[in-house]
């Protein structure tokens, strides 16, 4: 018998990253953890919107934050998501590596 809970967890991860801004946030965090202000500047979104996206990713267990004084530095902690994003954005990630 199939354990649907495993598939539900995988589907929840896919749902959490299935937004262009969240996908962009994850890609940026994979390149190096950063704080809300930096993400906001990169995306050109209001701080409250970025915080909502980060909260969604955090509640899904995809990212984690480490507090340093008033700043929280986020990073991607879910290996499944890292692998999915690498596949989804393979060409873009390869372009970034070539330009470094």
C-alpha atoms as a PDB file:
ATOM      1  CA  UNK A   1       0.000   0.000   0.000  1.00  0.00           C
ATOM      2  CA  UNK A   2       1.220   3.497  -0.861  1.00  0.00           C
ATOM      3  CA  UNK A   3       1.889   5.908   2.000  1.00  0.00           C
ATOM      4  CA  UNK A   4       0.215   9.068   0.699  1.00  0.00           C
ATOM      5  CA  UNK A   5       1.703  11.173   3.502  1.00  0.00           C
ATOM      6  CA  UNK A   6       5.073  10.987   1.770  1.00  0.00           C
ATOM      7  CA  UNK A   7       3.525  12.320  -1.433  1.00  0.00           C
ATOM      8  CA  UNK A   8       1.603  14.980   0.467  1.00  0.00           C
ATOM      9  CA  UNK A   9       4.844  16.290   1.996  1.00  0.00           C
ATOM     10  CA  UNK A  10       6.532  16.398  -1.417  1.00  0.00           C
ATOM     11  CA  UNK A  11       3.487  18.126  -2.945  1.00  0.00           C
ATOM     12  CA  UNK A  12       3.502  20.712  -0.138  1.00  0.00           C
ATOM     13  CA  UNK A  13       7.131  21.545  -0.921  1.00  0.00           C
ATOM     14  CA  UNK A  14       6.304  21.933  -4.594  1.00  0.00           C
ATOM     15  CA  UNK A  15       3.365  24.203  -3.733  1.00  0.00           C
ATOM     16  CA  UNK A  16       5.583  26.340  -1.501  1.00  0.00           C
ATOM     17  CA  UNK A  17       8.136  26.966  -4.266  1.00  0.00           C
ATOM     18  CA  UNK A  18       5.528  27.309  -7.030  1.00  0.00           C
ATOM     19  CA  UNK A  19       5.546  31.101  -6.996  1.00  0.00           C
ATOM     20  CA  UNK A  20       7.964  33.144  -9.123  1.00  0.00           C
ATOM     21  CA  UNK A  21       9.105  35.352  -6.234  1.00  0.00           C
ATOM     22  CA  UNK A  22       9.633  32.428  -3.865  1.00  0.00           C
ATOM     23  CA  UNK A  23      11.539  30.538  -6.543  1.00  0.00           C
ATOM     24  CA  UNK A  24      13.721  33.602  -7.059  1.00  0.00           C
ATOM     25  CA  UNK A  25      14.255  33.945  -3.296  1.00  0.00           C
ATOM     26  CA  UNK A  26      15.323  30.310  -3.051  1.00  0.00           C
ATOM     27  CA  UNK A  27      17.746  30.671  -5.962  1.00  0.00           C
ATOM     28  CA  UNK A  28      19.238  33.764  -4.365  1.00  0.00           C
ATOM     29  CA  UNK A  29      19.585  32.064  -1.011  1.00  0.00           C
ATOM     30  CA  UNK A  30      21.266  29.068  -2.638  1.00  0.00           C
ATOM     31  CA  UNK A  31      23.899  31.452  -3.956  1.00  0.00           C
ATOM     32  CA  UNK A  32      24.482  32.725  -0.416  1.00  0.00           C
ATOM     33  CA  UNK A  33      22.255  33.426   2.576  1.00  0.00           C
ATOM     34  CA  UNK A  34      21.022  36.947   3.015  1.00  0.00           C
ATOM     35  CA  UNK A  35      18.582  39.112   4.927  1.00  0.00           C
ATOM     36  CA  UNK A  36      15.149  40.542   4.112  1.00  0.00           C
ATOM     37  CA  UNK A  37      16.507  43.941   3.081  1.00  0.00           C
ATOM     38  CA  UNK A  38      18.845  42.451   0.474  1.00  0.00           C
ATOM     39  CA  UNK A  39      16.110  40.194  -0.896  1.00  0.00           C
ATOM     40  CA  UNK A  40      13.730  43.154  -1.018  1.00  0.00           C
ATOM     41  CA  UNK A  41      16.247  45.230  -2.962  1.00  0.00           C
ATOM     42  CA  UNK A  42      16.934  42.405  -5.431  1.00  0.00           C
ATOM     43  CA  UNK A  43      13.242  41.747  -6.112  1.00  0.00           C
ATOM     44  CA  UNK A  44      11.968  45.310  -5.852  1.00  0.00           C
ATOM     45  CA  UNK A  45       9.142  44.204  -3.547  1.00  0.00           C
ATOM     46  CA  UNK A  46       7.851  45.762  -0.335  1.00  0.00           C
ATOM     47  CA  UNK A  47       9.449  44.403   2.837  1.00  0.00           C
ATOM     48  CA  UNK A  48       6.101  43.058   4.037  1.00  0.00           C
ATOM     49  CA  UNK A  49       5.659  41.022   0.841  1.00  0.00           C
ATOM     50  CA  UNK A  50       9.159  39.556   1.111  1.00  0.00           C
ATOM     51  CA  UNK A  51       8.495  38.692   4.760  1.00  0.00           C
ATOM     52  CA  UNK A  52       5.289  36.869   3.792  1.00  0.00           C
ATOM     53  CA  UNK A  53       7.142  34.813   1.180  1.00  0.00           C
ATOM     54  CA  UNK A  54       9.901  34.009   3.673  1.00  0.00           C
ATOM     55  CA  UNK A  55       7.313  32.975   6.266  1.00  0.00           C
ATOM     56  CA  UNK A  56       5.722  30.586   3.761  1.00  0.00           C
ATOM     57  CA  UNK A  57       9.099  29.048   2.916  1.00  0.00           C
ATOM     58  CA  UNK A  58      10.074  28.825   6.579  1.00  0.00           C
ATOM     59  CA  UNK A  59       6.806  27.167   7.610  1.00  0.00           C
ATOM     60  CA  UNK A  60       7.337  24.585   4.855  1.00  0.00           C
ATOM     61  CA  UNK A  61      10.779  23.805   6.320  1.00  0.00           C
ATOM     62  CA  UNK A  62      12.551  24.964   3.170  1.00  0.00           C
ATOM     63  CA  UNK A  63      14.565  27.797   4.710  1.00  0.00           C
ATOM     64  CA  UNK A  64      15.943  28.631   8.135  1.00  0.00           C
ATOM     65  CA  UNK A  65      17.156  31.877   9.590  1.00  0.00           C
ATOM     66  CA  UNK A  66      19.964  32.681  11.985  1.00  0.00           C
ATOM     67  CA  UNK A  67      19.647  35.860  14.025  1.00  0.00           C
ATOM     68  CA  UNK A  68      22.680  38.136  14.245  1.00  0.00           C
ATOM     69  CA  UNK A  69      21.665  41.134  16.347  1.00  0.00           C
ATOM     70  CA  UNK A  70      18.719  42.770  14.586  1.00  0.00           C
ATOM     71  CA  UNK A  71      19.365  40.931  11.330  1.00  0.00           C
ATOM     72  CA  UNK A  72      18.249  37.446  10.328  1.00  0.00           C
ATOM     73  CA  UNK A  73      20.290  35.704   7.651  1.00  0.00           C
ATOM     74  CA  UNK A  74      18.297  33.073   5.740  1.00  0.00           C
ATOM     75  CA  UNK A  75      19.537  29.981   3.924  1.00  0.00           C
ATOM     76  CA  UNK A  76      17.968  27.000   2.152  1.00  0.00           C
ATOM     77  CA  UNK A  77      18.044  23.893   4.357  1.00  0.00           C
ATOM     78  CA  UNK A  78      15.909  21.434   2.385  1.00  0.00           C
ATOM     79  CA  UNK A  79      18.000  19.238   0.089  1.00  0.00           C
ATOM     80  CA  UNK A  80      14.956  18.109  -1.939  1.00  0.00           C
ATOM     81  CA  UNK A  81      14.151  21.725  -2.763  1.00  0.00           C
ATOM     82  CA  UNK A  82      17.777  22.505  -3.583  1.00  0.00           C
ATOM     83  CA  UNK A  83      17.800  19.615  -6.044  1.00  0.00           C
ATOM     84  CA  UNK A  84      14.430  20.630  -7.553  1.00  0.00           C
ATOM     85  CA  UNK A  85      15.532  24.240  -8.045  1.00  0.00           C
ATOM     86  CA  UNK A  86      18.822  23.141  -9.589  1.00  0.00           C
ATOM     87  CA  UNK A  87      16.851  21.110 -12.126  1.00  0.00           C
ATOM     88  CA  UNK A  88      14.254  23.825 -12.755  1.00  0.00           C
ATOM     89  CA  UNK A  89      16.818  26.597 -13.155  1.00  0.00           C
ATOM     90  CA  UNK A  90      19.696  24.555 -14.578  1.00  0.00           C
ATOM     91  CA  UNK A  91      20.421  26.868 -17.507  1.00  0.00           C
ATOM     92  CA  UNK A  92      20.224  30.041 -15.411  1.00  0.00           C
ATOM     93  CA  UNK A  93      22.475  28.602 -12.695  1.00  0.00           C
ATOM     94  CA  UNK A  94      25.022  27.483 -15.305  1.00  0.00           C
ATOM     95  CA  UNK A  95      25.048  31.013 -16.784  1.00  0.00           C
ATOM     96  CA  UNK A  96      25.730  32.484 -13.343  1.00  0.00           C
ATOM     97  CA  UNK A  97      28.645  30.090 -12.752  1.00  0.00           C
ATOM     98  CA  UNK A  98      30.143  30.941 -16.159  1.00  0.00           C
ATOM     99  CA  UNK A  99      29.981  34.696 -15.492  1.00  0.00           C
ATOM    100  CA  UNK A 100      31.735  34.502 -12.099  1.00  0.00           C
END
